[in-house]
C-alpha cells in the first residue's frame, strides 16, 4: 500500500504502470507459490513425526522446485511483457514507465519463491515466530527502500507539471535486492530449523498419529513404510516429486483461478483508460491489504480443523478409552465438533471482516487523498462507490478464507478447486462481462462486486462440500461397523 501511495507522485501513468506490473507479478507468484506450499506442508508433517531425514528430503524438493518454477515464471513474465501491455491497453507513457519496472520485478520472483519455500519449512518445524519475524522485516525493508527511492519523485511533483516516472526502475532494483536478502535469511533459518528436529521416527504416539492427518496433500498418498521403532525408509526423489505434483495440482487450479479474476479485472479496468486503471489499482491494493489481515482465519481453521477431524480417526498405540469407541460414534462426534468449529470460524471471520470494512468506509476520503494526487481523474472514479463495495466485500471475504482452511483440514483440495471453478464460470465471468459495458464510474464498482459474488459462492459451496464429506465418512463408518 505504501508503494502505491509513493508511486502516485509520478501521476496516472506511473500509477497505472505500477498497478499493471503488480497485477501481473501477483498472478505469476501466487500461482507458483501454492505449488511450493504443498511439499512445504509435507515437510511440516515429517517434522511433527520427528523424522529429520524425511524433513530434509522434502525441504530440498521444495527448494529445488521453488528455484525451477521461479526461473520459469520469471522468463515467462519477461517474454509476455509486450502481449500483456497490449492486452491491458496501456497508453504509450504507461507502457514506457512499466517496461523496466516489469523486468526488475520479474527477476525478483525466483528469490521470492525460495523465501516462500523456506517459510513453509519454518512453519512446519514450529518456528512460527521466526517465520513471522522474517516476513515483517522483509516488508519493512521493502517499504523503507521505497521511501528512499521514490522520495525524489514526490519532491518533483510539487515543482513540475509532469512528474518523472524514472524512479520506478530503481524501485524494481530495490525490490530485487530485498527479495534476495529475504530469501538468504529464510533459507538459513530453515536449515537451522531442520537441524534442530530429532530423527527418532514415530512409534504410534498420539503426536505421530496427529501428524499423519496432514502428511500428504495427495489424497491417498503416503510417505514410505518401515518397521516399528525405526524410521521408515525414505521415498525416492521420483516419489517425492510425484507427491509434489499430485498434491499441488488442485491447489494450483484454485490459486490460478483466483488470480485470474484479479487479472481479468485489470484488463476490464484498463479498457476504460489510464485513470480507471489507476483507480482499480488503489482498490486492488486495499483488497490485498485486507486479505493479509483476514487470511489468518485460513491458518486457524486448518490447524483447528485437523485436530477436530482426528476425533474421527482410529489411532494406533493408544490405550485411551475414547480410541476404542465404535467408528460410527467417533465420526458422529467429530462431525458435530467440526460443525461447531465451522460456525465459530465463519462467524468470527465475518465479524473481523465487518470491522475492517467499517474502517475502510470511514476512511474513504483519506484513502482517496493519500493515494491519488490532486486533480487526478481517478479520484472521481473512486468517489463513485468502489470503496463502499470493497468495504461490504470484507464481510464475505473473512468467511471465504475460513472455509478454505476448513476444506484443507479435511484434505478436500479437489472439492475446493471445483467450487472455485464453478463460481468463476457461472458467476464471476458472466457478471464481469455485464459490467464491462458500463460507464467508467460504474465499472470499477462492478468489477469488485463480481469478486464479492464469487466469494459468496466460495462460502456456500465450501459448506456444501464439507457437509457432504462428513456424510460420506458416516456412511463408511457405518459400513465398517456392519462388517465387524
Protein backbone atom coordinates (compact mmCIF):
# COMPACT_ATOMS: atom_id res chain seq x y z
CA UNK A 1 0.00 0.00 0.00
CA UNK A 2 2.90 2.33 0.79
CA UNK A 3 4.44 1.61 -2.61
CA UNK A 4 1.23 2.59 -4.37
CA UNK A 5 0.93 5.80 -2.38
CA UNK A 6 4.51 6.77 -3.21
CA UNK A 7 4.09 5.82 -6.87
CA UNK A 8 1.26 8.35 -7.03
CA UNK A 9 3.97 11.00 -7.17
CA UNK A 10 4.55 10.03 -10.80
CA UNK A 11 0.98 10.74 -11.86
CA UNK A 12 -1.57 8.50 -13.55
CA UNK A 13 0.99 6.98 -15.96
CA UNK A 14 3.34 5.85 -13.19
CA UNK A 15 0.45 4.60 -11.07
CA UNK A 16 -1.06 2.70 -13.99
CA UNK A 17 2.36 1.17 -14.71
CA UNK A 18 2.68 0.17 -11.06
CA UNK A 19 -0.82 -1.35 -10.95
CA UNK A 20 -0.34 -3.30 -14.20
CA UNK A 21 3.02 -4.71 -13.11
CA UNK A 22 1.78 -5.56 -9.62
CA UNK A 23 -1.22 -7.45 -11.01
CA UNK A 24 0.89 -9.50 -13.42
CA UNK A 25 3.55 -10.32 -10.82
CA UNK A 26 0.88 -11.31 -8.30
CA UNK A 27 -0.73 -13.58 -10.89
CA UNK A 28 2.51 -15.48 -11.51
CA UNK A 29 3.93 -15.52 -8.00
CA UNK A 30 0.69 -16.51 -6.28
CA UNK A 31 0.05 -19.38 -8.68
CA UNK A 32 3.56 -20.78 -8.28
CA UNK A 33 3.67 -20.14 -4.54
CA UNK A 34 0.90 -22.66 -3.99
CA UNK A 35 2.87 -25.29 -5.90
CA UNK A 36 5.68 -24.92 -3.39
CA UNK A 37 3.45 -24.87 -0.32
CA UNK A 38 2.29 -28.45 -0.95
CA UNK A 39 5.68 -30.02 -0.32
CA UNK A 40 6.33 -27.49 2.47
CA UNK A 41 3.24 -28.77 4.28
CA UNK A 42 4.52 -32.33 3.88
CA UNK A 43 7.82 -31.22 5.39
CA UNK A 44 5.86 -29.95 8.38
CA UNK A 45 4.26 -33.36 8.82
CA UNK A 46 7.71 -35.00 8.77
CA UNK A 47 8.90 -32.59 11.44
CA UNK A 48 5.91 -33.44 13.64
CA UNK A 49 6.85 -37.13 13.29
CA UNK A 50 10.45 -36.31 14.35
CA UNK A 51 11.84 -37.64 11.09
CA UNK A 52 14.61 -35.23 10.21
CA UNK A 53 15.81 -37.28 7.23
CA UNK A 54 12.41 -37.15 5.54
CA UNK A 55 12.03 -33.50 6.51
CA UNK A 56 15.38 -32.64 4.92
CA UNK A 57 14.49 -34.54 1.75
CA UNK A 58 11.14 -32.78 1.40
CA UNK A 59 12.72 -29.43 2.16
CA UNK A 60 15.26 -30.00 -0.62
CA UNK A 61 12.47 -30.86 -3.04
CA UNK A 62 10.63 -27.69 -2.05
CA UNK A 63 13.72 -25.51 -2.57
CA UNK A 64 14.65 -27.10 -5.91
CA UNK A 65 11.07 -26.85 -7.13
CA UNK A 66 10.84 -23.23 -5.99
CA UNK A 67 14.03 -22.31 -7.85
CA UNK A 68 12.99 -24.10 -11.05
CA UNK A 69 9.46 -22.71 -11.06
CA UNK A 70 10.72 -19.25 -10.17
CA UNK A 71 13.16 -19.16 -13.09
CA UNK A 72 10.49 -20.42 -15.48
CA UNK A 73 7.94 -17.90 -14.21
CA UNK A 74 10.41 -15.02 -14.47
CA UNK A 75 11.28 -15.91 -18.06
CA UNK A 76 7.61 -16.29 -18.93
CA UNK A 77 6.79 -12.91 -17.45
CA UNK A 78 9.57 -11.18 -19.37
CA UNK A 79 8.54 -12.85 -22.63
CA UNK A 80 4.88 -11.90 -22.08
CA UNK A 81 5.57 -8.20 -21.42
CA UNK A 82 4.52 -6.81 -24.80
CA UNK A 83 1.43 -9.04 -25.19
CA UNK A 84 0.42 -8.17 -21.63
CA UNK A 85 0.77 -4.44 -22.29
CA UNK A 86 -1.36 -4.83 -25.41
CA UNK A 87 -4.00 -6.83 -23.54
CA UNK A 88 -4.08 -4.24 -20.79
CA UNK A 89 -4.39 -1.43 -23.30
CA UNK A 90 -1.69 0.65 -21.60
CA UNK A 91 -1.01 4.08 -23.03
CA UNK A 92 2.42 4.81 -24.52
CA UNK A 93 3.55 6.71 -21.42
CA UNK A 94 2.31 3.99 -19.04
CA UNK A 95 3.98 1.24 -21.11
CA UNK A 96 7.29 3.12 -21.19
CA UNK A 97 7.13 3.56 -17.41
CA UNK A 98 6.19 -0.09 -16.82
CA UNK A 99 8.80 -1.80 -19.05
CA UNK A 100 11.92 -1.54 -16.83
CA UNK A 101 9.95 -1.96 -13.61
CA UNK A 102 8.30 -5.06 -15.08
CA UNK A 103 11.72 -6.62 -15.83
CA UNK A 104 13.12 -5.99 -12.35
CA UNK A 105 10.01 -7.34 -10.62
CA UNK A 106 10.17 -10.45 -12.82
CA UNK A 107 13.77 -11.00 -11.72
CA UNK A 108 12.63 -10.87 -8.09
CA UNK A 109 10.26 -13.84 -8.50
CA UNK A 110 12.85 -16.69 -8.05
CA UNK A 111 14.21 -15.43 -4.70
CA UNK A 112 10.66 -14.66 -3.57
CA UNK A 113 9.62 -18.27 -4.20
CA UNK A 114 12.74 -19.58 -2.44
CA UNK A 115 11.78 -17.49 0.57
CA UNK A 116 8.24 -18.88 0.42
CA UNK A 117 9.53 -22.47 0.43
CA UNK A 118 11.77 -21.67 3.40
CA UNK A 119 8.83 -20.06 5.19
CA UNK A 120 6.84 -23.27 4.74
CA UNK A 121 9.66 -25.33 6.26
CA UNK A 122 9.96 -22.92 9.19
CA UNK A 123 6.23 -23.10 9.89
CA UNK A 124 6.26 -26.89 9.59
CA UNK A 125 9.08 -27.08 12.16
CA UNK A 126 7.09 -24.89 14.54
CA UNK A 127 9.30 -21.83 14.15
CA UNK A 128 6.30 -19.57 13.67
CA UNK A 129 7.87 -16.59 15.41
CA UNK A 130 10.93 -16.74 13.18
CA UNK A 131 8.81 -17.04 10.05
CA UNK A 132 6.62 -14.11 11.05
CA UNK A 133 9.61 -12.01 12.09
CA UNK A 134 11.37 -12.54 8.77
CA UNK A 135 8.19 -11.66 6.87
CA UNK A 136 7.79 -8.43 8.85
CA UNK A 137 11.44 -7.49 8.37
CA UNK A 138 11.15 -8.14 4.63
CA UNK A 139 8.10 -5.92 4.35
CA UNK A 140 9.72 -3.16 6.38
CA UNK A 141 12.88 -3.35 4.27
CA UNK A 142 10.91 -3.03 1.02
CA UNK A 143 8.85 -0.16 2.44
CA UNK A 144 12.00 1.63 3.60
CA UNK A 145 13.62 1.18 0.21
CA UNK A 146 10.51 2.60 -1.43
CA UNK A 147 10.64 5.68 0.78
CA UNK A 148 14.27 6.30 -0.14
CA UNK A 149 13.93 5.56 -3.85
CA UNK A 150 10.66 7.38 -4.54
CA UNK A 151 11.22 10.44 -2.38
CA UNK A 152 12.79 12.43 -5.27
CA UNK A 153 9.70 11.74 -7.39
CA UNK A 154 7.46 13.05 -4.61
CA UNK A 155 9.54 16.21 -4.31
CA UNK A 156 9.43 16.70 -8.08
CA UNK A 157 5.63 16.56 -8.01
CA UNK A 158 5.47 19.96 -6.33
CA UNK A 159 7.79 21.63 -8.87
CA UNK A 160 6.79 20.11 -12.23
CA UNK A 161 3.58 19.65 -14.11
CA UNK A 162 4.58 16.18 -15.37
CA UNK A 163 6.45 14.34 -12.61
CA UNK A 164 9.13 11.86 -13.72
CA UNK A 165 8.49 8.11 -13.71
CA UNK A 166 12.19 7.17 -13.73
CA UNK A 167 12.24 6.13 -10.04
CA UNK A 168 10.15 3.06 -10.92
CA UNK A 169 13.18 1.09 -12.25
CA UNK A 170 15.08 1.97 -9.07
CA UNK A 171 12.10 0.71 -7.08
CA UNK A 172 12.29 -2.57 -9.02
CA UNK A 173 16.01 -2.93 -8.26
CA UNK A 174 15.31 -2.30 -4.59
CA UNK A 175 12.59 -4.98 -4.61
CA UNK A 176 15.04 -7.47 -6.14
CA UNK A 177 17.70 -6.71 -3.54
CA UNK A 178 15.24 -7.07 -0.67
CA UNK A 179 13.92 -10.36 -2.11
CA UNK A 180 17.45 -11.80 -2.33
CA UNK A 181 18.30 -10.81 1.25
CA UNK A 182 14.97 -12.15 2.49
CA UNK A 183 15.50 -15.47 0.69
CA UNK A 184 19.03 -15.87 2.06
CA UNK A 185 17.88 -15.21 5.63
CA UNK A 186 14.85 -17.51 5.33
CA UNK A 187 16.88 -20.37 3.84
CA UNK A 188 19.49 -20.08 6.59
CA UNK A 189 16.80 -20.12 9.27
CA UNK A 190 15.08 -23.10 7.59
CA UNK A 191 18.34 -25.06 7.54
CA UNK A 192 18.77 -24.36 11.25
CA UNK A 193 15.19 -25.42 11.97
CA UNK A 194 15.65 -28.72 10.12
CA UNK A 195 18.87 -29.43 12.03
CA UNK A 196 17.02 -28.99 15.34
CA UNK A 197 14.41 -31.65 14.55
CA UNK A 198 15.11 -35.10 16.10
CA UNK A 199 15.45 -38.11 13.83
CA UNK A 200 13.80 -40.66 16.08
CA UNK A 201 10.84 -41.59 13.87
CA UNK A 202 7.37 -42.41 15.20
CA UNK A 203 6.05 -45.33 17.17
CA UNK A 204 2.33 -44.78 17.08
CA UNK A 205 2.18 -41.98 19.63
CA UNK A 206 -0.66 -39.51 19.62
CA UNK A 207 1.66 -36.82 18.22
CA UNK A 208 2.71 -39.02 15.35
CA UNK A 209 -0.86 -40.08 14.68
CA UNK A 210 -1.99 -36.45 14.72
CA UNK A 211 0.80 -35.56 12.28
CA UNK A 212 -0.32 -38.34 9.95
CA UNK A 213 -3.56 -36.50 9.37
CA UNK A 214 -1.64 -33.82 7.50
CA UNK A 215 1.11 -35.96 5.97
CA UNK A 216 0.28 -35.99 2.28
CA UNK A 217 -1.57 -33.34 0.37
CA UNK A 218 -2.17 -36.15 -2.09
CA UNK A 219 -5.39 -37.93 -1.26
CA UNK A 220 -4.38 -41.50 -0.51
CA UNK A 221 -0.64 -40.67 -0.73
CA UNK A 222 1.99 -41.86 1.69
CA UNK A 223 5.49 -41.27 2.79
CA UNK A 224 7.07 -44.71 2.82
CA UNK A 225 6.96 -47.56 5.31
CA UNK A 226 9.21 -49.11 7.84
CA UNK A 227 9.29 -51.29 10.89
CA UNK A 228 8.11 -50.09 14.27
CA UNK A 229 10.85 -48.49 16.32
CA UNK A 230 12.89 -47.35 13.28
CA UNK A 231 12.33 -44.51 10.87
CA UNK A 232 10.73 -45.75 7.64
CA UNK A 233 12.82 -45.81 4.50
CA UNK A 234 12.98 -42.52 2.67
CA UNK A 235 10.96 -42.34 -0.54
CA UNK A 236 12.87 -41.78 -3.74
CA UNK A 237 13.24 -38.36 -5.34
CA UNK A 238 10.83 -39.53 -8.03
CA UNK A 239 8.23 -40.41 -5.39
CA UNK A 240 8.73 -37.08 -3.63
CA UNK A 241 8.40 -35.22 -6.92
CA UNK A 242 5.26 -37.18 -7.76
CA UNK A 243 3.73 -36.26 -4.41
CA UNK A 244 4.67 -32.64 -5.04
CA UNK A 245 2.97 -32.52 -8.44
CA UNK A 246 -0.13 -34.50 -7.50
CA UNK A 247 -0.70 -32.81 -4.17
CA UNK A 248 -0.27 -29.33 -5.58
CA UNK A 249 -2.36 -29.67 -8.73
CA UNK A 250 -5.72 -28.89 -7.11
CA UNK A 251 -4.16 -26.04 -5.13
CA UNK A 252 -2.67 -24.69 -8.36
CA UNK A 253 -6.04 -24.76 -10.11
CA UNK A 254 -7.66 -22.94 -7.19
CA UNK A 255 -4.90 -20.36 -6.96
CA UNK A 256 -4.61 -19.61 -10.66
CA UNK A 257 -8.37 -19.23 -10.95
CA UNK A 258 -8.47 -16.72 -8.11
CA UNK A 259 -5.53 -14.78 -9.53
CA UNK A 260 -7.14 -14.85 -12.96
CA UNK A 261 -10.10 -12.97 -11.52
CA UNK A 262 -7.75 -10.18 -10.45
CA UNK A 263 -6.02 -10.09 -13.82
CA UNK A 264 -9.28 -10.01 -15.78
CA UNK A 265 -10.44 -7.18 -13.55
CA UNK A 266 -7.31 -5.23 -14.50
CA UNK A 267 -7.98 -5.91 -18.20
CA UNK A 268 -11.55 -4.60 -17.95
CA UNK A 269 -10.44 -1.53 -15.99
CA UNK A 270 -7.60 -0.78 -18.41
CA UNK A 271 -10.03 -0.65 -21.32
CA UNK A 272 -11.55 2.45 -19.70
CA UNK A 273 -8.30 4.37 -19.74
CA UNK A 274 -5.37 5.17 -17.51
CA UNK A 275 -7.50 6.84 -14.83
CA UNK A 276 -9.70 3.76 -14.46
CA UNK A 277 -6.66 1.52 -14.20
CA UNK A 278 -5.15 3.78 -11.53
CA UNK A 279 -8.40 3.76 -9.50
CA UNK A 280 -8.64 -0.02 -9.87
CA UNK A 281 -5.06 -0.33 -8.62
CA UNK A 282 -5.95 1.51 -5.42
CA UNK A 283 -8.90 -0.81 -4.73
CA UNK A 284 -6.78 -3.84 -5.60
CA UNK A 285 -4.09 -2.80 -3.13
CA UNK A 286 -6.63 -2.23 -0.35
CA UNK A 287 -8.27 -5.58 -1.14
CA UNK A 288 -4.90 -7.35 -0.77
CA UNK A 289 -4.16 -5.45 2.45
CA UNK A 290 -7.45 -6.62 3.94
CA UNK A 291 -6.74 -10.14 2.67
CA UNK A 292 -3.45 -10.22 4.61
CA UNK A 293 -5.37 -9.17 7.71
CA UNK A 294 -8.00 -11.87 7.23
CA UNK A 295 -6.04 -14.84 5.89
CA UNK A 296 -5.09 -15.78 9.44
CA UNK A 297 -8.61 -17.25 9.57
CA UNK A 298 -7.50 -19.83 7.00
CA UNK A 299 -4.49 -20.91 9.06
CA UNK A 300 -6.50 -21.11 12.26
CA UNK A 301 -9.29 -23.08 10.59
CA UNK A 302 -6.79 -25.52 9.10
CA UNK A 303 -4.98 -26.21 12.38
CA UNK A 304 -8.13 -26.46 14.50
CA UNK A 305 -9.96 -28.44 11.81
CA UNK A 306 -7.18 -31.04 11.66
CA UNK A 307 -7.40 -31.52 15.41
CA UNK A 308 -11.15 -31.93 15.31
CA UNK A 309 -11.08 -34.30 12.35
CA UNK A 310 -8.66 -36.51 14.32
CA UNK A 311 -11.58 -37.36 16.61
CA UNK A 312 -12.98 -39.46 13.79
CA UNK A 313 -9.72 -41.34 13.14
CA UNK A 314 -8.59 -44.55 14.81
CA UNK A 315 -5.19 -44.09 16.43
CA UNK A 316 -2.65 -46.84 16.88
CA UNK A 317 -0.70 -47.36 20.06
CA UNK A 318 -3.17 -45.54 22.30
CA UNK A 319 -4.90 -47.03 25.30
CA UNK A 320 -7.33 -44.18 25.85
CA UNK A 321 -10.90 -45.31 26.20
CA UNK A 322 -12.02 -42.85 23.52
CA UNK A 323 -9.81 -44.59 20.98
CA UNK A 324 -11.96 -47.75 21.16
CA UNK A 325 -15.34 -46.17 20.51
CA UNK A 326 -17.34 -47.60 17.61
CA UNK A 327 -16.35 -45.99 14.27
CA UNK A 328 -19.81 -44.52 13.70
CA UNK A 329 -19.76 -42.88 17.14
CA UNK A 330 -16.31 -41.44 16.58
CA UNK A 331 -17.30 -39.97 13.22
CA UNK A 332 -20.54 -38.55 14.59
CA UNK A 333 -18.62 -36.89 17.44
CA UNK A 334 -16.06 -35.45 15.05
CA UNK A 335 -18.77 -34.21 12.67
CA UNK A 336 -20.58 -32.39 15.47
CA UNK A 337 -17.35 -30.82 16.72
CA UNK A 338 -16.37 -29.78 13.20
CA UNK A 339 -19.79 -28.22 12.62
CA UNK A 340 -19.36 -26.20 15.82
CA UNK A 341 -15.88 -25.16 14.73
CA UNK A 342 -17.21 -24.15 11.31
CA UNK A 343 -19.80 -21.88 12.89
CA UNK A 344 -17.18 -20.27 15.11
CA UNK A 345 -14.64 -19.75 12.33
CA UNK A 346 -17.14 -18.43 9.79
CA UNK A 347 -18.89 -16.20 12.33
CA UNK A 348 -15.68 -14.85 13.85
CA UNK A 349 -14.09 -14.11 10.48
CA UNK A 350 -17.28 -12.36 9.36
CA UNK A 351 -17.13 -10.09 12.40
CA UNK A 352 -13.45 -9.34 11.72
CA UNK A 353 -14.25 -8.61 8.08
CA UNK A 354 -17.09 -6.30 9.08
CA UNK A 355 -14.71 -4.34 11.33
CA UNK A 356 -12.20 -3.96 8.50
CA UNK A 357 -14.96 -2.93 6.10
CA UNK A 358 -16.22 -0.31 8.53
CA UNK A 359 -12.72 1.12 8.82
CA UNK A 360 -12.40 1.31 5.03
CA UNK A 361 -15.75 3.04 4.70
CA UNK A 362 -14.95 5.54 7.46
CA UNK A 363 -11.55 6.36 5.97
CA UNK A 364 -12.67 6.62 2.34
CA UNK A 365 -11.93 10.38 1.98
CA UNK A 366 -8.47 9.95 3.49
CA UNK A 367 -7.77 6.96 1.25
CA UNK A 368 -8.57 8.95 -1.88
CA UNK A 369 -6.43 11.87 -0.72
CA UNK A 370 -3.49 9.64 0.20
CA UNK A 371 -3.32 7.51 -2.90
CA UNK A 372 -4.26 9.96 -5.63
CA UNK A 373 -2.73 13.36 -6.27
CA UNK A 374 -4.98 16.42 -6.56
CA UNK A 375 -6.66 16.77 -9.93
CA UNK A 376 -6.33 13.09 -10.88
CA UNK A 377 -9.34 11.74 -12.75
CA UNK A 378 -9.12 8.54 -10.74
CA UNK A 379 -10.32 10.50 -7.69
CA UNK A 380 -13.76 10.95 -9.25
CA UNK A 381 -13.93 7.25 -10.13
CA UNK A 382 -13.16 6.14 -6.56
CA UNK A 383 -15.75 8.54 -5.17
CA UNK A 384 -18.45 6.79 -7.20
CA UNK A 385 -18.86 3.76 -4.94
CA UNK A 386 -15.97 1.25 -5.40
CA UNK A 387 -14.75 1.76 -1.83
CA UNK A 388 -18.24 1.02 -0.50
CA UNK A 389 -18.29 -2.25 -2.43
CA UNK A 390 -14.81 -3.03 -1.10
CA UNK A 391 -15.98 -2.42 2.47
CA UNK A 392 -19.05 -4.65 2.05
CA UNK A 393 -16.98 -7.42 0.49
CA UNK A 394 -14.87 -7.85 3.63
CA UNK A 395 -17.88 -9.31 5.46
CA UNK A 396 -17.76 -12.24 3.00
CA UNK A 397 -14.01 -12.37 2.42
CA UNK A 398 -13.30 -13.44 6.00
CA UNK A 399 -15.62 -16.47 5.89
CA UNK A 400 -14.23 -17.35 2.44
CA UNK A 401 -10.73 -17.67 3.91
CA UNK A 402 -12.08 -19.65 6.86
CA UNK A 403 -13.81 -22.09 4.51
CA UNK A 404 -10.56 -22.60 2.58
CA UNK A 405 -8.91 -23.63 5.84
CA UNK A 406 -11.76 -25.93 6.84
CA UNK A 407 -11.62 -27.64 3.44
CA UNK A 408 -7.86 -28.09 3.81
CA UNK A 409 -8.31 -29.61 7.27
CA UNK A 410 -10.32 -32.41 5.67
CA UNK A 411 -7.95 -32.74 2.66
CA UNK A 412 -10.75 -31.56 0.37
CA UNK A 413 -8.42 -29.76 -2.01
CA UNK A 414 -10.17 -31.03 -5.12
CA UNK A 415 -13.56 -30.04 -3.74
CA UNK A 416 -12.27 -26.54 -3.08
CA UNK A 417 -10.93 -26.29 -6.62
CA UNK A 418 -14.27 -27.40 -8.07
CA UNK A 419 -16.13 -24.76 -6.05
CA UNK A 420 -13.80 -22.04 -7.36
CA UNK A 421 -14.15 -23.20 -10.96
CA UNK A 422 -17.94 -23.34 -10.76
CA UNK A 423 -18.08 -19.89 -9.20
CA UNK A 424 -15.76 -18.46 -11.83
CA UNK A 425 -17.61 -19.91 -14.82
CA UNK A 426 -21.19 -19.48 -13.58
CA UNK A 427 -20.96 -16.28 -11.54
CA UNK A 428 -17.81 -14.19 -11.89
CA UNK A 429 -17.29 -14.37 -15.65
CA UNK A 430 -20.93 -13.50 -16.57
CA UNK A 431 -21.02 -10.60 -14.10
CA UNK A 432 -17.69 -9.25 -15.35
CA UNK A 433 -18.94 -9.41 -18.93
CA UNK A 434 -22.00 -7.39 -17.92
CA UNK A 435 -20.06 -4.65 -16.13
CA UNK A 436 -17.54 -4.36 -18.97
CA UNK A 437 -20.06 -2.29 -20.90
CA UNK A 438 -20.86 0.04 -18.02
CA UNK A 439 -19.69 3.62 -17.65
CA UNK A 440 -16.25 4.35 -16.24
CA UNK A 441 -17.80 5.42 -12.95
CA UNK A 442 -19.64 2.11 -12.52
CA UNK A 443 -17.14 -0.32 -13.99
CA UNK A 444 -14.72 -0.29 -11.00
CA UNK A 445 -17.52 -0.98 -8.53
CA UNK A 446 -18.87 -3.67 -10.85
CA UNK A 447 -15.53 -5.48 -11.07
CA UNK A 448 -15.25 -5.80 -7.30
CA UNK A 449 -18.94 -6.60 -6.99
CA UNK A 450 -18.26 -9.65 -9.20
CA UNK A 451 -15.46 -10.65 -6.81
CA UNK A 452 -17.89 -10.31 -3.90
CA UNK A 453 -20.36 -12.63 -5.65
CA UNK A 454 -17.61 -15.18 -6.30
CA UNK A 455 -16.65 -15.24 -2.63
CA UNK A 456 -20.29 -15.84 -1.70
CA UNK A 457 -20.13 -18.95 -3.89
CA UNK A 458 -16.88 -19.98 -2.16
CA UNK A 459 -18.55 -19.84 1.25
CA UNK A 460 -21.78 -21.59 0.25
CA UNK A 461 -20.05 -24.19 -1.91
CA UNK A 462 -17.42 -24.88 0.76
CA UNK A 463 -20.11 -25.51 3.37
CA UNK A 464 -21.85 -27.95 1.00
CA UNK A 465 -18.61 -29.84 0.28
CA UNK A 466 -17.75 -30.14 3.99
CA UNK A 467 -21.26 -31.38 4.83
CA UNK A 468 -21.09 -33.98 2.05
CA UNK A 469 -17.69 -35.20 3.25
CA UNK A 470 -18.91 -35.81 6.79
CA UNK A 471 -21.95 -37.63 5.41
CA UNK A 472 -19.63 -39.83 3.34
CA UNK A 473 -17.46 -40.60 6.36
CA UNK A 474 -20.55 -41.52 8.34
CA UNK A 475 -21.62 -43.99 5.67
CA UNK A 476 -18.16 -45.55 5.57
CA UNK A 477 -18.05 -45.85 9.36
CA UNK A 478 -21.46 -47.49 9.40
CA UNK A 479 -20.28 -49.96 6.76
CA UNK A 480 -17.19 -50.80 8.80
CA UNK A 481 -19.34 -51.39 11.88
CA UNK A 482 -21.68 -53.64 9.92
CA UNK A 483 -18.81 -55.75 8.60
CA UNK A 484 -17.29 -56.01 12.07
